[in-house]
Amino acid sequence: MFKLLKNNLLNILDETQSERNQLKNHPIYNSIKTEKHLHVFMENHVFAVWDFMSVLKSLQKEFTCVEIPWRPKTNGNLSRMLNEIVLAEESDVDRYGQYLSHFEIYYHAMKEAGADTKKIEKFLNELDNSDLHTSLMKSEAPKAAQEFVLDTFKYITMDAPHLNATIFTLGREEIIPDMFRELVQDLESNSSGKFKSFIYYLDRHIGLDENEHTPLALKMIKEICGDDEKKWKESIDCGKNVMQSRIKFWDQILFEIKKTDIN
């Protein structure tokens, strides 16, 4: 796949390889051994599933027209890429044949697995009347999730499309297949039917991200950065930072998982 892409794109992948390796080999994937472990993971990770949609929507807002009256955008390639990705992320098919966003599929998988959904529900309700930081605080979202979401929004609020494209690509789509593949292998060995929707969610992401969304997302970075070396440099720095934020997020969740074995 990569040999057809620009040298700058190869460079950004090379420069972030260390962080990618840390994520791929993180001990959290082999540490989810019990139902309680999985609950801790899901109750934190659901906030990352939510903030991913905000990253995607920031890009859709920039490169497609979502306002009335409608106006044409100048880059049809980016419009097409983003609309294709949004179609799957916001209206995919769950294992029952219903069309739902990936967030909703995850939310229903949490309920099926017996995880607590009260904090994410309260957070979404708070957003109707409060800003992001206040909503996270009032909902008593897990500390690790709060920090991860706020790290993401530091970039979103910069209104820099090449950085949002980097978060979307390097911080999410490109690394997810390797991360989730580890989880699926362990969960499939558990015969509990309560995990079937979560396994479906993970499998769906592996397939979509690896075969469709990652190639599109890499092309998106190439299209946005073009020949602007400053943007490429900023994207490398951003890629490293968002991956380090994910590593910290996994470290904190792993700490909470281990605490359940002591209590």
Protein backbone atom coordinates (compact mmCIF):
# COMPACT_ATOMS: atom_id res chain seq x y z
CA MET A 1 0.00 0.00 0.00
CA PHE A 2 2.64 2.54 1.06
CA LYS A 3 4.97 2.40 -1.96
CA LEU A 4 2.47 4.43 -3.98
CA LEU A 5 2.40 7.24 -1.44
CA LYS A 6 4.60 10.28 -1.10
CA ASN A 7 7.97 10.20 0.69
CA ASN A 8 6.63 12.62 3.29
CA LEU A 9 3.94 10.10 4.18
CA LEU A 10 6.49 7.34 4.54
CA ASN A 11 8.50 9.66 6.75
CA ILE A 12 5.61 10.41 9.09
CA LEU A 13 5.04 6.68 9.52
CA ASP A 14 8.73 6.07 10.17
CA GLU A 15 8.96 8.92 12.68
CA THR A 16 6.04 7.55 14.71
CA GLN A 17 7.10 3.89 14.55
CA SER A 18 8.35 3.82 18.15
CA GLU A 19 4.97 4.95 19.50
CA ARG A 20 3.17 2.53 17.18
CA ASN A 21 5.25 -0.35 18.50
CA GLN A 22 4.50 0.61 22.09
CA LEU A 23 0.78 0.62 21.35
CA LYS A 24 0.87 -2.65 19.44
CA ASN A 25 2.73 -4.38 22.28
CA HIS A 26 1.00 -2.73 25.22
CA PRO A 27 0.34 -5.18 28.10
CA ILE A 28 -3.29 -4.06 28.47
CA TYR A 29 -4.50 -6.40 25.71
CA ASN A 30 -3.33 -9.51 27.53
CA SER A 31 -4.50 -8.22 30.91
CA ILE A 32 -8.26 -8.28 30.30
CA LYS A 33 -8.94 -11.69 31.83
CA THR A 34 -12.20 -11.26 33.72
CA GLU A 35 -15.59 -9.67 33.21
CA LYS A 36 -14.67 -6.97 35.72
CA HIS A 37 -11.48 -6.21 33.76
CA LEU A 38 -13.51 -5.77 30.58
CA HIS A 39 -15.96 -3.48 32.35
CA VAL A 40 -13.15 -1.19 33.51
CA PHE A 41 -11.78 -1.06 29.98
CA MET A 42 -15.12 -0.34 28.32
CA GLU A 43 -16.22 2.28 30.87
CA ASN A 44 -13.08 4.26 30.04
CA HIS A 45 -12.72 3.48 26.35
CA VAL A 46 -16.28 4.49 25.46
CA PHE A 47 -15.21 8.13 25.91
CA ALA A 48 -12.50 7.63 23.28
CA VAL A 49 -15.10 6.11 20.96
CA TRP A 50 -17.18 9.25 21.49
CA ASP A 51 -14.38 11.77 20.95
CA PHE A 52 -13.31 9.98 17.77
CA MET A 53 -16.61 11.10 16.24
CA SER A 54 -15.81 14.70 17.15
CA VAL A 55 -12.47 14.43 15.31
CA LEU A 56 -14.24 13.01 12.27
CA LYS A 57 -16.96 15.65 12.35
CA SER A 58 -14.40 18.46 12.56
CA LEU A 59 -12.95 17.18 9.29
CA GLN A 60 -16.34 16.73 7.67
CA LYS A 61 -17.26 20.27 8.67
CA GLU A 62 -14.03 21.58 7.11
CA PHE A 63 -14.05 19.69 3.82
CA THR A 64 -17.74 19.12 3.08
CA CYS A 65 -20.61 21.56 3.36
CA VAL A 66 -22.88 20.85 6.33
CA GLU A 67 -24.44 24.31 6.41
CA ILE A 68 -27.50 25.88 4.82
CA PRO A 69 -27.49 27.47 2.33
CA TRP A 70 -25.19 24.87 0.75
CA ARG A 71 -21.99 25.94 -0.98
CA PRO A 72 -19.63 23.80 -3.05
CA LYS A 73 -16.27 22.88 -1.56
CA THR A 74 -13.11 23.17 -3.63
CA ASN A 75 -11.62 19.71 -2.96
CA GLY A 76 -13.88 16.95 -4.20
CA ASN A 77 -11.34 14.26 -3.31
CA LEU A 78 -11.43 15.16 0.37
CA SER A 79 -15.22 15.52 0.34
CA ARG A 80 -15.56 12.05 -1.12
CA MET A 81 -13.09 10.46 1.31
CA LEU A 82 -14.77 11.97 4.35
CA ASN A 83 -18.31 11.21 3.26
CA GLU A 84 -17.33 7.57 2.69
CA ILE A 85 -15.80 7.33 6.17
CA VAL A 86 -18.72 9.13 7.85
CA LEU A 87 -21.19 6.78 6.17
CA ALA A 88 -19.64 3.78 7.94
CA GLU A 89 -18.80 5.46 11.24
CA GLU A 90 -22.18 7.13 11.73
CA SER A 91 -24.52 4.57 10.14
CA ASP A 92 -22.94 1.11 10.09
CA VAL A 93 -24.79 -2.19 10.44
CA ASP A 94 -24.78 -3.83 13.86
CA ARG A 95 -24.94 -7.58 14.31
CA TYR A 96 -28.75 -7.43 14.38
CA GLY A 97 -28.96 -5.66 11.02
CA GLN A 98 -29.79 -2.21 12.42
CA TYR A 99 -28.06 0.97 11.22
CA LEU A 100 -26.24 2.66 14.08
CA SER A 101 -23.15 4.76 14.70
CA HIS A 102 -20.11 2.89 15.96
CA PHE A 103 -20.54 4.75 19.24
CA GLU A 104 -24.07 3.36 19.62
CA ILE A 105 -22.89 -0.14 18.70
CA TYR A 106 -20.26 0.17 21.43
CA TYR A 107 -22.79 1.55 23.92
CA HIS A 108 -25.16 -1.37 23.34
CA ALA A 109 -22.22 -3.80 23.60
CA MET A 110 -21.43 -2.28 27.01
CA LYS A 111 -24.98 -2.87 28.24
CA GLU A 112 -24.94 -6.42 26.90
CA ALA A 113 -21.62 -7.11 28.65
CA GLY A 114 -22.92 -5.71 31.94
CA ALA A 115 -20.67 -2.63 31.99
CA ASP A 116 -21.87 0.58 33.68
CA THR A 117 -23.17 3.12 31.14
CA LYS A 118 -24.35 5.75 33.64
CA LYS A 119 -21.30 8.02 33.33
CA ILE A 120 -21.29 8.18 29.53
CA GLU A 121 -25.07 8.74 29.57
CA LYS A 122 -24.75 11.57 32.08
CA PHE A 123 -21.87 13.07 30.09
CA LEU A 124 -23.95 13.19 26.90
CA ASN A 125 -26.87 14.75 28.78
CA GLU A 126 -24.59 17.35 30.38
CA LEU A 127 -23.28 18.39 26.95
CA ASP A 128 -26.70 19.84 26.15
CA ASN A 129 -26.19 22.54 28.78
CA SER A 130 -22.47 22.63 29.66
CA ASP A 131 -19.10 22.88 27.98
CA LEU A 132 -16.88 19.86 27.47
CA HIS A 133 -14.74 20.22 30.60
CA THR A 134 -17.73 20.85 32.87
CA SER A 135 -19.62 17.93 31.34
CA LEU A 136 -16.73 15.58 32.00
CA MET A 137 -16.48 16.76 35.60
CA LYS A 138 -20.22 16.65 36.33
CA SER A 139 -20.58 13.18 34.84
CA GLU A 140 -17.70 11.93 37.01
CA ALA A 141 -16.11 10.39 33.93
CA PRO A 142 -13.06 8.27 34.78
CA LYS A 143 -9.95 10.41 35.27
CA ALA A 144 -8.06 8.60 32.50
CA ALA A 145 -10.93 9.19 30.06
CA GLN A 146 -11.18 12.87 31.01
CA GLU A 147 -7.49 13.44 30.34
CA PHE A 148 -7.58 11.57 27.04
CA VAL A 149 -10.61 13.48 25.73
CA LEU A 150 -9.16 16.84 26.77
CA ASP A 151 -5.88 15.97 25.02
CA THR A 152 -7.85 15.27 21.84
CA PHE A 153 -9.81 18.50 22.04
CA LYS A 154 -6.67 20.59 22.49
CA TYR A 155 -6.03 19.80 18.84
CA ILE A 156 -9.63 19.99 17.64
CA THR A 157 -9.95 23.54 19.01
CA MET A 158 -6.82 24.64 17.14
CA ASP A 159 -8.89 24.58 13.96
CA ALA A 160 -5.96 23.07 12.03
CA PRO A 161 -7.30 20.47 9.55
CA HIS A 162 -3.92 18.80 8.96
CA LEU A 163 -3.62 18.11 12.70
CA ASN A 164 -7.15 16.76 12.96
CA ALA A 165 -6.41 14.52 9.98
CA THR A 166 -3.30 13.30 11.81
CA ILE A 167 -5.25 12.52 14.98
CA PHE A 168 -7.83 10.69 12.92
CA THR A 169 -5.25 8.71 10.94
CA LEU A 170 -2.27 8.06 13.20
CA GLY A 171 -4.02 8.35 16.55
CA ARG A 172 -6.95 6.13 15.60
CA GLU A 173 -7.48 4.42 12.24
CA GLU A 174 -3.94 3.25 11.45
CA ILE A 175 -3.19 1.75 14.87
CA ILE A 176 -6.60 0.28 15.73
CA PRO A 177 -6.43 -3.03 13.82
CA ASP A 178 -3.32 -4.20 15.67
CA MET A 179 -4.69 -3.04 19.03
CA PHE A 180 -8.12 -4.61 18.66
CA ARG A 181 -6.85 -7.87 17.15
CA GLU A 182 -5.18 -8.68 20.47
CA LEU A 183 -8.42 -8.12 22.37
CA VAL A 184 -10.52 -10.23 20.00
CA GLN A 185 -8.24 -13.24 20.36
CA ASP A 186 -8.66 -13.25 24.13
CA LEU A 187 -12.39 -12.51 24.15
CA GLU A 188 -13.23 -15.18 21.60
CA SER A 189 -11.77 -17.79 23.94
CA ASN A 190 -14.42 -16.77 26.48
CA SER A 191 -17.66 -18.63 25.83
CA SER A 192 -19.86 -15.95 27.40
CA GLY A 193 -22.52 -14.75 24.95
CA LYS A 194 -22.48 -11.38 26.72
CA PHE A 195 -19.38 -10.38 24.75
CA LYS A 196 -20.69 -11.14 21.25
CA SER A 197 -21.67 -7.56 20.40
CA PHE A 198 -18.33 -6.24 21.64
CA ILE A 199 -16.44 -8.83 19.60
CA TYR A 200 -18.57 -7.81 16.60
CA TYR A 201 -17.62 -4.16 17.18
CA LEU A 202 -13.92 -5.01 17.37
CA ASP A 203 -14.03 -7.25 14.29
CA ARG A 204 -15.93 -4.61 12.35
CA HIS A 205 -13.34 -1.97 13.19
CA ILE A 206 -10.44 -4.23 12.27
CA GLY A 207 -11.92 -4.90 8.85
CA LEU A 208 -13.01 -1.35 8.07
CA ASP A 209 -9.93 0.40 9.40
CA GLU A 210 -7.39 -1.97 7.88
CA ASN A 211 -8.93 -2.40 4.44
CA GLU A 212 -10.78 0.85 3.82
CA HIS A 213 -10.39 3.71 6.28
CA THR A 214 -6.63 3.65 6.83
CA PRO A 215 -5.76 3.92 3.10
CA LEU A 216 -8.32 6.73 2.75
CA ALA A 217 -7.06 8.51 5.86
CA LEU A 218 -3.42 8.35 4.72
CA LYS A 219 -4.43 9.82 1.37
CA MET A 220 -6.27 12.55 3.28
CA ILE A 221 -3.09 13.62 5.12
CA LYS A 222 -1.23 13.63 1.81
CA GLU A 223 -3.95 15.74 0.20
CA ILE A 224 -4.12 18.27 3.05
CA CYS A 225 -0.38 18.67 3.69
CA GLY A 226 0.63 18.65 0.01
CA ASP A 227 4.06 20.25 -0.38
CA ASP A 228 3.89 22.24 2.85
CA GLU A 229 6.88 21.00 4.89
CA LYS A 230 5.72 22.95 7.94
CA LYS A 231 2.44 21.01 7.96
CA TRP A 232 4.28 17.71 7.58
CA LYS A 233 6.55 18.55 10.53
CA GLU A 234 3.59 19.60 12.67
CA SER A 235 1.78 16.40 11.72
CA ILE A 236 4.74 14.29 12.87
CA ASP A 237 4.79 16.08 16.23
CA CYS A 238 1.02 15.75 16.54
CA GLY A 239 1.16 12.04 15.64
CA LYS A 240 3.72 11.37 18.35
CA ASN A 241 1.73 13.34 20.93
CA VAL A 242 -1.61 11.68 20.29
CA MET A 243 -0.05 8.22 20.34
CA GLN A 244 1.71 9.05 23.61
CA SER A 245 -1.66 10.22 24.94
CA ARG A 246 -3.13 6.84 23.98
CA ILE A 247 -0.23 5.00 25.65
CA LYS A 248 -0.83 7.02 28.84
CA PHE A 249 -4.56 6.23 28.56
CA TRP A 250 -3.84 2.50 28.31
CA ASP A 251 -1.37 2.72 31.23
CA GLN A 252 -4.00 4.35 33.43
CA ILE A 253 -6.73 1.86 32.49
CA LEU A 254 -4.33 -1.02 33.11
CA PHE A 255 -3.62 0.38 36.57
CA GLU A 256 -7.37 0.42 37.30
CA ILE A 257 -7.74 -3.12 35.97
CA LYS A 258 -5.02 -4.38 38.28
CA LYS A 259 -6.68 -2.65 41.24
CA THR A 260 -9.77 -4.84 40.75
CA ASP A 261 -7.65 -7.92 41.49
CA ILE A 262 -6.61 -6.46 44.84
CA ASN A 263 -10.04 -5.30 46.01
